[in-house]
């Protein structure tokens, strides 16, 4: 493994574009992965669609854990690579894989015990529970492969190799797209498994691409060391990693927790509103995909340059990313605003569901530019090894702004008020996060 020297020497904006484009395609694939699930399950009817919407906060909680582990991996490895410590980076990458497997064995087993109490607390109706059980039982069993996929991708990105990271995500999405209709609706000797088929398709796709990622990391880039680890060194690496990963994971896990609360608020408006809100969450991820890709390439760029002492390049990269996010998300909002009704009808023939979804598309995406600034700021703080600052941003957005204002908006003005309140929450948080990061970078440059 050799350091990605162009990250330290090439022009800032062109380097970020070169790194972000492959990640953008990978993120497109990942988001289409989720869109395919909700679209195919939507063909089964409103109840399976609503059940899948209820699973999103829980599945995203595990995904958030994976994101946190990936953030810690990327920040620690990229800084080591930037400083020229490639052997130590490879050993740390391997030790992180070991920790991920052990941790996910605990999460996977424990997840089966929380299905009933968690989903009932979220407001899931008894008629939805069989669908939720069918999906989540398989999902928890294979969640280790989801997390390993994301951790392996973060290792690629830490070295500046976003093409391999994007390739793994693309292959995963293609496999899921092929397996979804086959397992959900059946074909020939393969029985129709319904919503459980969507879960099985996901696990099979993740498992296959985990093997691909291991092959590429070990055989092509020598970024893993298959040798018996030194216990004290491994524990030391785990401690270093968790100093960033734990706050980052907690920050990301706050998002589905807050989303779970808001899903319960939406549930008061009926199953159709929940189904629309669940689709909206997927559309949100797809709408933010370019900025999400940027948020995944910005941290290794920042960490490598920070490790090499090139702070001015860090400041220039962050400010450029913020300007781009505002412009790009403004364009996305205009597109969703204009085509809200035809897009909503694509997902469901239920008039009430499509009506709520069209309203969501007209209102909520107005805050996506602000939301992008918020997560770009948080990811930059993590890259600078300031995870507690990133966590404070998430806490403020979700539990001082997002949930209270969303609940109040729903109480006073219905679902329309809740959607408008989410835009306001994103705007206030973005202003705070940007100001905080700009002041921090100014101190570093001086």
Protein backbone atom coordinates (compact mmCIF):
# COMPACT_ATOMS: atom_id res chain seq x y z
CA UNK A 1 0.00 0.00 0.00
CA UNK A 2 1.42 3.40 -0.96
CA UNK A 3 0.17 6.82 0.15
CA UNK A 4 -2.12 8.63 -2.26
CA UNK A 5 0.37 11.45 -2.77
CA UNK A 6 -1.87 13.37 -5.17
CA UNK A 7 -4.23 14.06 -2.26
CA UNK A 8 -1.41 16.05 -0.70
CA UNK A 9 -0.09 17.78 -3.81
CA UNK A 10 -2.73 18.07 -6.56
CA UNK A 11 -5.11 21.08 -6.81
CA UNK A 12 -7.79 20.90 -4.10
CA UNK A 13 -10.95 21.21 -6.18
CA UNK A 14 -9.87 18.91 -9.02
CA UNK A 15 -8.72 16.28 -6.51
CA UNK A 16 -12.05 16.36 -4.70
CA UNK A 17 -13.92 16.07 -8.00
CA UNK A 18 -11.76 13.12 -9.06
CA UNK A 19 -12.37 11.38 -5.74
CA UNK A 20 -16.07 12.25 -5.52
CA UNK A 21 -17.22 11.14 -8.98
CA UNK A 22 -16.59 7.40 -8.38
CA UNK A 23 -18.12 7.73 -4.92
CA UNK A 24 -21.13 9.47 -6.41
CA UNK A 25 -21.75 6.50 -8.69
CA UNK A 26 -21.29 4.19 -5.73
CA UNK A 27 -23.75 6.20 -3.64
CA UNK A 28 -26.21 6.22 -6.54
CA UNK A 29 -25.99 2.44 -6.53
CA UNK A 30 -26.46 2.31 -2.76
CA UNK A 31 -29.49 4.58 -2.84
CA UNK A 32 -31.00 2.67 -5.75
CA UNK A 33 -30.49 -0.41 -3.57
CA UNK A 34 -32.95 1.09 -1.06
CA UNK A 35 -35.26 2.54 -3.70
CA UNK A 36 -35.50 -0.89 -5.37
CA UNK A 37 -36.52 -2.45 -2.05
CA UNK A 38 -39.29 0.07 -1.38
CA UNK A 39 -40.52 -0.04 -5.01
CA UNK A 40 -40.75 -3.82 -5.26
CA UNK A 41 -42.25 -4.17 -1.78
CA UNK A 42 -44.70 -1.40 -2.67
CA UNK A 43 -46.14 -3.70 -5.33
CA UNK A 44 -47.23 -6.05 -2.53
CA UNK A 45 -49.63 -3.48 -1.09
CA UNK A 46 -49.87 -0.65 1.45
CA UNK A 47 -49.35 -2.82 4.56
CA UNK A 48 -45.99 -4.36 3.48
CA UNK A 49 -44.93 -0.90 2.29
CA UNK A 50 -45.82 0.65 5.66
CA UNK A 51 -44.04 -2.21 7.48
CA UNK A 52 -40.86 -1.55 5.48
CA UNK A 53 -41.16 2.15 6.37
CA UNK A 54 -41.26 1.22 10.06
CA UNK A 55 -38.04 -0.81 9.69
CA UNK A 56 -36.06 2.15 8.37
CA UNK A 57 -35.18 3.77 11.74
CA UNK A 58 -34.03 0.42 13.16
CA UNK A 59 -32.01 -0.67 10.13
CA UNK A 60 -30.52 2.79 9.90
CA UNK A 61 -29.43 2.50 13.53
CA UNK A 62 -27.18 -0.41 12.56
CA UNK A 63 -26.14 1.44 9.42
CA UNK A 64 -25.23 4.39 11.65
CA UNK A 65 -23.01 2.11 13.71
CA UNK A 66 -21.34 1.06 10.47
CA UNK A 67 -20.93 4.69 9.43
CA UNK A 68 -19.33 5.48 12.79
CA UNK A 69 -16.87 2.62 12.43
CA UNK A 70 -16.15 3.79 8.91
CA UNK A 71 -15.57 7.37 10.04
CA UNK A 72 -13.10 6.21 12.68
CA UNK A 73 -11.37 3.94 10.20
CA UNK A 74 -11.08 6.62 7.55
CA UNK A 75 -9.83 9.33 9.93
CA UNK A 76 -7.21 7.21 11.68
CA UNK A 77 -5.93 5.41 8.59
CA UNK A 78 -5.81 8.52 6.39
CA UNK A 79 -3.83 10.43 8.98
CA UNK A 80 -1.34 7.53 9.25
CA UNK A 81 -1.08 7.32 5.46
CA UNK A 82 -0.57 11.08 5.21
CA UNK A 83 2.25 10.77 7.74
CA UNK A 84 3.81 7.88 5.78
CA UNK A 85 3.07 5.11 8.34
CA UNK A 86 1.66 2.60 5.85
CA UNK A 87 2.49 -0.60 7.76
CA UNK A 88 0.78 0.66 10.90
CA UNK A 89 -2.22 1.67 8.77
CA UNK A 90 -2.52 -1.85 7.33
CA UNK A 91 -2.33 -3.43 10.78
CA UNK A 92 -4.96 -1.04 12.11
CA UNK A 93 -7.25 -1.78 9.15
CA UNK A 94 -7.00 -5.51 9.88
CA UNK A 95 -7.63 -5.05 13.60
CA UNK A 96 -10.69 -2.96 12.78
CA UNK A 97 -12.11 -5.79 10.64
CA UNK A 98 -11.67 -8.17 13.59
CA UNK A 99 -13.43 -5.77 15.96
CA UNK A 100 -16.28 -5.26 13.48
CA UNK A 101 -16.99 -8.99 13.23
CA UNK A 102 -17.01 -9.45 17.02
CA UNK A 103 -19.22 -6.42 17.57
CA UNK A 104 -21.75 -7.40 14.90
CA UNK A 105 -22.11 -10.91 16.27
CA UNK A 106 -23.43 -9.30 19.46
CA UNK A 107 -25.67 -6.85 17.57
CA UNK A 108 -27.05 -9.52 15.25
CA UNK A 109 -28.00 -11.89 18.06
CA UNK A 110 -29.37 -9.14 20.31
CA UNK A 111 -31.41 -7.60 17.52
CA UNK A 112 -33.80 -10.55 17.40
CA UNK A 113 -34.89 -9.85 20.98
CA UNK A 114 -35.86 -6.21 20.44
CA UNK A 115 -38.16 -6.54 17.43
CA UNK A 116 -41.47 -6.67 19.32
CA UNK A 117 -40.87 -4.01 22.00
CA UNK A 118 -39.15 -1.52 19.68
CA UNK A 119 -41.66 -1.60 16.84
CA UNK A 120 -44.65 -1.55 19.17
CA UNK A 121 -43.16 1.49 20.88
CA UNK A 122 -42.85 3.14 17.47
CA UNK A 123 -46.58 2.71 16.93
CA UNK A 124 -46.65 -0.23 14.53
CA UNK A 125 -50.14 -1.70 14.32
CA UNK A 126 -50.59 -5.43 15.14
CA UNK A 127 -51.42 -6.16 11.50
CA UNK A 128 -47.98 -4.95 10.44
CA UNK A 129 -45.96 -7.01 12.94
CA UNK A 130 -45.87 -10.27 10.87
CA UNK A 131 -44.37 -8.34 7.95
CA UNK A 132 -41.87 -6.61 10.24
CA UNK A 133 -40.84 -9.94 11.81
CA UNK A 134 -40.40 -11.58 8.41
CA UNK A 135 -38.11 -8.80 7.25
CA UNK A 136 -36.10 -8.02 10.40
CA UNK A 137 -35.32 -11.60 11.44
CA UNK A 138 -33.34 -12.18 8.25
CA UNK A 139 -31.95 -8.63 8.24
CA UNK A 140 -30.41 -8.90 11.71
CA UNK A 141 -28.91 -12.29 10.84
CA UNK A 142 -26.99 -10.83 7.89
CA UNK A 143 -26.27 -7.33 9.19
CA UNK A 144 -22.61 -8.24 9.83
CA UNK A 145 -22.05 -8.20 6.05
CA UNK A 146 -23.61 -4.75 5.72
CA UNK A 147 -21.23 -3.32 8.32
CA UNK A 148 -18.19 -5.12 6.91
CA UNK A 149 -19.00 -3.69 3.49
CA UNK A 150 -19.01 -0.15 4.83
CA UNK A 151 -15.84 -0.60 6.88
CA UNK A 152 -13.99 -2.05 3.87
CA UNK A 153 -15.17 0.87 1.76
CA UNK A 154 -13.78 3.30 4.34
CA UNK A 155 -10.38 1.57 4.11
CA UNK A 156 -10.36 2.13 0.34
CA UNK A 157 -11.31 5.79 0.80
CA UNK A 158 -8.66 6.38 3.48
CA UNK A 159 -6.03 5.51 0.86
CA UNK A 160 -7.71 7.79 -1.68
CA UNK A 161 -8.98 4.85 -3.76
CA UNK A 162 -12.62 5.86 -4.24
CA UNK A 163 -12.91 3.84 -7.46
CA UNK A 164 -12.68 0.52 -5.65
CA UNK A 165 -15.10 1.74 -2.98
CA UNK A 166 -17.58 2.75 -5.67
CA UNK A 167 -17.13 -0.58 -7.46
CA UNK A 168 -18.04 -2.58 -4.36
CA UNK A 169 -21.21 -0.51 -3.85
CA UNK A 170 -22.15 -0.84 -7.53
CA UNK A 171 -21.83 -4.62 -7.50
CA UNK A 172 -23.91 -4.81 -4.32
CA UNK A 173 -26.71 -2.73 -5.85
CA UNK A 174 -26.76 -4.77 -9.08
CA UNK A 175 -26.99 -8.04 -7.15
CA UNK A 176 -29.83 -6.68 -5.01
CA UNK A 177 -31.70 -5.40 -8.06
CA UNK A 178 -31.47 -8.84 -9.68
CA UNK A 179 -32.43 -10.77 -6.55
CA UNK A 180 -35.27 -8.54 -5.31
CA UNK A 181 -37.96 -9.44 -7.89
CA UNK A 182 -36.76 -13.05 -8.01
CA UNK A 183 -37.17 -13.61 -4.27
CA UNK A 184 -40.09 -11.26 -3.56
CA UNK A 185 -42.39 -12.49 -6.35
CA UNK A 186 -40.85 -15.89 -7.09
CA UNK A 187 -39.94 -17.49 -10.40
CA UNK A 188 -40.10 -21.13 -11.48
CA UNK A 189 -39.01 -23.33 -8.55
CA UNK A 190 -38.21 -20.27 -6.39
CA UNK A 191 -41.23 -19.49 -4.18
CA UNK A 192 -42.61 -15.97 -3.69
CA UNK A 193 -41.26 -14.87 -0.29
CA UNK A 194 -42.84 -11.42 -0.17
CA UNK A 195 -41.22 -8.84 2.06
CA UNK A 196 -38.85 -11.47 3.50
CA UNK A 197 -37.48 -11.97 -0.01
CA UNK A 198 -36.32 -8.33 -0.02
CA UNK A 199 -34.37 -8.95 3.17
CA UNK A 200 -32.80 -12.16 1.87
CA UNK A 201 -31.78 -10.38 -1.34
CA UNK A 202 -30.02 -7.68 0.69
CA UNK A 203 -28.09 -10.17 2.82
CA UNK A 204 -26.97 -12.18 -0.22
CA UNK A 205 -25.78 -9.00 -1.96
CA UNK A 206 -23.86 -7.80 1.11
CA UNK A 207 -22.26 -11.20 1.68
CA UNK A 208 -21.06 -11.46 -1.91
CA UNK A 209 -19.54 -7.99 -1.98
CA UNK A 210 -17.85 -8.50 1.40
CA UNK A 211 -15.89 -11.35 -0.18
CA UNK A 212 -15.09 -9.12 -3.16
CA UNK A 213 -13.86 -6.33 -0.86
CA UNK A 214 -11.62 -8.72 1.10
CA UNK A 215 -10.10 -9.97 -2.15
CA UNK A 216 -9.40 -6.45 -3.40
CA UNK A 217 -8.01 -5.21 -0.08
CA UNK A 218 -5.71 -8.17 0.45
CA UNK A 219 -4.84 -9.36 -3.03
CA UNK A 220 -4.77 -6.11 -4.98
CA UNK A 221 -3.77 -3.40 -2.49
CA UNK A 222 -2.12 -5.27 0.43
CA UNK A 223 -4.18 -3.25 2.89
CA UNK A 224 -4.95 -6.22 5.15
CA UNK A 225 -2.47 -8.38 7.08
CA UNK A 226 -3.55 -11.98 7.52
CA UNK A 227 -1.21 -12.83 10.39
CA UNK A 228 -1.88 -13.56 14.04
CA UNK A 229 -2.27 -10.15 15.70
CA UNK A 230 -0.33 -8.92 18.70
CA UNK A 231 -3.00 -8.64 21.39
CA UNK A 232 -1.67 -5.50 23.06
CA UNK A 233 -1.18 -3.76 19.70
CA UNK A 234 -4.66 -4.78 18.56
CA UNK A 235 -6.30 -3.46 21.74
CA UNK A 236 -4.32 -0.24 21.36
CA UNK A 237 -5.62 0.15 17.82
CA UNK A 238 -9.17 -0.52 19.01
CA UNK A 239 -8.84 2.25 21.59
CA UNK A 240 -7.53 4.72 19.02
CA UNK A 241 -10.30 3.79 16.64
CA UNK A 242 -13.10 4.01 19.20
CA UNK A 243 -12.03 7.50 20.28
CA UNK A 244 -13.44 8.67 16.96
CA UNK A 245 -15.77 5.81 16.02
CA UNK A 246 -17.82 5.78 19.21
CA UNK A 247 -18.86 9.46 19.16
CA UNK A 248 -19.36 9.24 15.38
CA UNK A 249 -21.52 6.11 15.73
CA UNK A 250 -23.55 7.68 18.53
CA UNK A 251 -24.02 10.81 16.42
CA UNK A 252 -25.26 8.77 13.47
CA UNK A 253 -27.46 6.56 15.66
CA UNK A 254 -29.22 9.70 16.91
CA UNK A 255 -30.62 10.19 13.40
CA UNK A 256 -32.73 6.99 13.30
CA UNK A 257 -33.70 7.53 16.94
CA UNK A 258 -35.05 10.96 16.05
CA UNK A 259 -36.57 9.54 12.88
CA UNK A 260 -38.24 6.84 14.94
CA UNK A 261 -39.85 9.50 17.14
CA UNK A 262 -41.01 11.42 14.08
CA UNK A 263 -42.32 8.21 12.51
CA UNK A 264 -44.44 7.73 15.63
CA UNK A 265 -45.71 11.30 15.18
CA UNK A 266 -46.52 10.60 11.53
CA UNK A 267 -48.26 7.34 12.55
CA UNK A 268 -50.93 9.49 14.19
CA UNK A 269 -51.97 10.53 10.69
CA UNK A 270 -52.50 6.92 9.51
CA UNK A 271 -50.66 4.08 7.75
CA UNK A 272 -50.81 5.95 4.43
CA UNK A 273 -48.87 8.87 5.90
CA UNK A 274 -46.28 6.47 7.35
CA UNK A 275 -45.86 4.80 3.95
CA UNK A 276 -45.36 8.19 2.29
CA UNK A 277 -42.90 9.29 4.97
CA UNK A 278 -40.93 6.06 4.51
CA UNK A 279 -40.66 6.65 0.77
CA UNK A 280 -39.70 10.26 1.51
CA UNK A 281 -36.76 9.05 3.60
CA UNK A 282 -35.50 7.06 0.63
CA UNK A 283 -36.00 9.99 -1.76
CA UNK A 284 -34.13 12.19 0.72
CA UNK A 285 -31.13 9.89 0.62
CA UNK A 286 -31.20 9.83 -3.18
CA UNK A 287 -31.56 13.62 -3.38
CA UNK A 288 -28.53 14.12 -1.14
CA UNK A 289 -26.40 11.50 -2.88
CA UNK A 290 -23.88 13.88 -4.47
CA UNK A 291 -23.28 15.70 -1.19
CA UNK A 292 -23.21 12.37 0.64
CA UNK A 293 -20.50 11.22 -1.78
CA UNK A 294 -18.63 14.46 -1.10
CA UNK A 295 -18.97 13.90 2.65
CA UNK A 296 -17.28 10.51 2.19
CA UNK A 297 -14.36 11.82 0.10
CA UNK A 298 -13.81 15.06 2.03
CA UNK A 299 -12.70 13.35 5.32
CA UNK A 300 -9.79 11.31 3.87
CA UNK A 301 -8.66 14.42 1.96
CA UNK A 302 -8.82 16.45 5.17
CA UNK A 303 -7.19 13.77 7.34
CA UNK A 304 -4.29 13.13 4.97
CA UNK A 305 -3.58 16.85 4.58
CA UNK A 306 -4.03 17.41 8.32
CA UNK A 307 -1.55 14.58 9.01
CA UNK A 308 0.90 16.20 6.59
CA UNK A 309 0.44 19.64 8.23
CA UNK A 310 -1.24 21.27 5.21
CA UNK A 311 -4.08 23.06 7.01
CA UNK A 312 -4.72 25.72 4.36
CA UNK A 313 -5.69 22.94 1.90
CA UNK A 314 -8.13 21.66 4.54
CA UNK A 315 -9.79 25.09 4.86
CA UNK A 316 -10.02 25.54 1.08
CA UNK A 317 -11.59 22.09 0.64
CA UNK A 318 -14.26 22.68 3.31
CA UNK A 319 -15.30 26.11 2.03
CA UNK A 320 -15.53 24.84 -1.54
CA UNK A 321 -17.66 21.89 -0.43
CA UNK A 322 -20.13 24.19 1.37
CA UNK A 323 -20.56 26.47 -1.65
CA UNK A 324 -21.11 23.50 -3.93
CA UNK A 325 -23.69 21.93 -1.56
CA UNK A 326 -25.90 25.02 -1.51
CA UNK A 327 -25.93 25.36 -5.29
CA UNK A 328 -26.41 21.67 -6.05
CA UNK A 329 -29.18 21.06 -3.53
CA UNK A 330 -30.99 24.16 -4.78
CA UNK A 331 -31.13 22.59 -8.25
CA UNK A 332 -32.40 19.30 -6.79
CA UNK A 333 -35.14 21.10 -4.87
CA UNK A 334 -36.41 22.83 -8.01
CA UNK A 335 -36.60 19.49 -9.83
CA UNK A 336 -38.54 17.82 -7.01
CA UNK A 337 -40.85 20.81 -6.66
CA UNK A 338 -41.75 20.79 -10.36
CA UNK A 339 -42.18 17.01 -10.72
CA UNK A 340 -43.58 16.17 -7.26
CA UNK A 341 -46.90 14.70 -8.41
CA UNK A 342 -45.66 12.43 -11.23
CA UNK A 343 -42.77 11.21 -9.07
CA UNK A 344 -45.13 10.35 -6.20
CA UNK A 345 -47.37 8.30 -8.50
CA UNK A 346 -44.34 6.24 -9.59
CA UNK A 347 -44.06 4.76 -6.09
CA UNK A 348 -47.69 3.92 -5.37
CA UNK A 349 -51.16 3.89 -6.88
CA UNK A 350 -52.74 4.68 -3.51
CA UNK A 351 -54.08 8.25 -3.87
CA UNK A 352 -53.67 9.16 -0.22
CA UNK A 353 -50.08 7.88 -0.05
CA UNK A 354 -49.11 9.68 -3.27
CA UNK A 355 -50.76 12.87 -2.01
CA UNK A 356 -48.74 12.92 1.20
CA UNK A 357 -45.57 12.03 -0.71
CA UNK A 358 -46.08 14.86 -3.20
CA UNK A 359 -46.53 17.31 -0.31
CA UNK A 360 -43.30 16.01 1.26
CA UNK A 361 -41.43 16.61 -2.02
CA UNK A 362 -42.69 20.19 -2.28
CA UNK A 363 -41.71 21.19 1.27
CA UNK A 364 -38.96 19.11 2.91
CA UNK A 365 -36.26 19.23 0.17
CA UNK A 366 -36.10 23.04 0.58
CA UNK A 367 -33.86 22.31 3.58
CA UNK A 368 -31.54 19.79 1.93
CA UNK A 369 -28.81 22.35 1.20
CA UNK A 370 -28.74 23.26 4.89
CA UNK A 371 -28.73 19.59 5.83
CA UNK A 372 -25.73 19.01 3.54
CA UNK A 373 -23.79 21.82 5.23
CA UNK A 374 -24.52 20.22 8.59
CA UNK A 375 -23.21 16.76 7.74
CA UNK A 376 -20.25 18.13 5.77
CA UNK A 377 -19.28 20.14 8.86
CA UNK A 378 -19.68 17.13 11.15
CA UNK A 379 -17.64 14.86 8.85
CA UNK A 380 -14.91 17.51 8.65
CA UNK A 381 -14.71 17.72 12.44
CA UNK A 382 -14.39 13.92 12.60
CA UNK A 383 -11.62 14.04 9.99
CA UNK A 384 -9.79 16.59 12.16
CA UNK A 385 -10.06 14.17 15.10
CA UNK A 386 -12.67 16.34 16.84
CA UNK A 387 -15.53 13.82 17.16
CA UNK A 388 -17.15 15.48 20.18
CA UNK A 389 -17.69 18.68 18.21
CA UNK A 390 -19.34 16.64 15.46
CA UNK A 391 -21.55 14.91 18.02
CA UNK A 392 -22.64 18.25 19.50
CA UNK A 393 -23.78 19.36 16.06
CA UNK A 394 -25.87 16.20 15.69
CA UNK A 395 -27.34 16.57 19.17
CA UNK A 396 -28.35 20.15 18.52
CA UNK A 397 -29.89 19.40 15.13
CA UNK A 398 -31.88 16.36 16.16
CA UNK A 399 -32.97 16.93 19.74
CA UNK A 400 -32.96 20.71 20.11
CA UNK A 401 -34.27 21.50 16.63
CA UNK A 402 -35.52 18.57 14.53
CA UNK A 403 -37.70 16.52 16.89
CA UNK A 404 -39.15 19.35 19.04
CA UNK A 405 -39.96 21.58 16.06
CA UNK A 406 -41.31 18.63 14.04
CA UNK A 407 -43.58 17.56 16.88
CA UNK A 408 -44.76 21.13 17.49
CA UNK A 409 -45.41 21.69 13.79
CA UNK A 410 -47.50 18.51 13.61
CA UNK A 411 -49.42 19.44 16.76
CA UNK A 412 -50.29 22.95 15.58
CA UNK A 413 -50.59 22.61 11.80
CA UNK A 414 -50.75 18.89 11.00
CA UNK A 415 -48.34 17.02 8.75
CA UNK A 416 -47.83 20.13 6.61
CA UNK A 417 -46.58 21.99 9.68
CA UNK A 418 -44.23 19.16 10.59
CA UNK A 419 -42.64 19.18 7.12
CA UNK A 420 -42.11 22.96 7.23
CA UNK A 421 -40.60 22.71 10.72
CA UNK A 422 -37.99 20.23 9.46
CA UNK A 423 -36.78 22.81 6.92
CA UNK A 424 -36.48 25.45 9.66
CA UNK A 425 -34.54 23.04 11.90
CA UNK A 426 -32.03 22.29 9.13
CA UNK A 427 -31.51 25.99 8.40
CA UNK A 428 -30.76 26.98 11.99
CA UNK A 429 -28.38 24.03 12.50
CA UNK A 430 -26.49 24.71 9.28
CA UNK A 431 -25.81 28.30 10.32
CA UNK A 432 -24.42 27.14 13.66
CA UNK A 433 -22.31 24.29 12.20
CA UNK A 434 -20.78 26.46 9.47
CA UNK A 435 -19.88 29.26 11.89
CA UNK A 436 -18.29 26.82 14.33
CA UNK A 437 -16.22 25.04 11.66
CA UNK A 438 -15.05 28.29 10.03
CA UNK A 439 -13.81 29.63 13.36
CA UNK A 440 -12.02 26.35 14.14
CA UNK A 441 -10.27 26.30 10.76
CA UNK A 442 -9.24 29.93 11.14
CA UNK A 443 -7.51 29.08 14.43
CA UNK A 444 -5.73 26.11 12.82
CA UNK A 445 -4.48 28.19 9.88
CA UNK A 446 -3.07 30.81 12.25
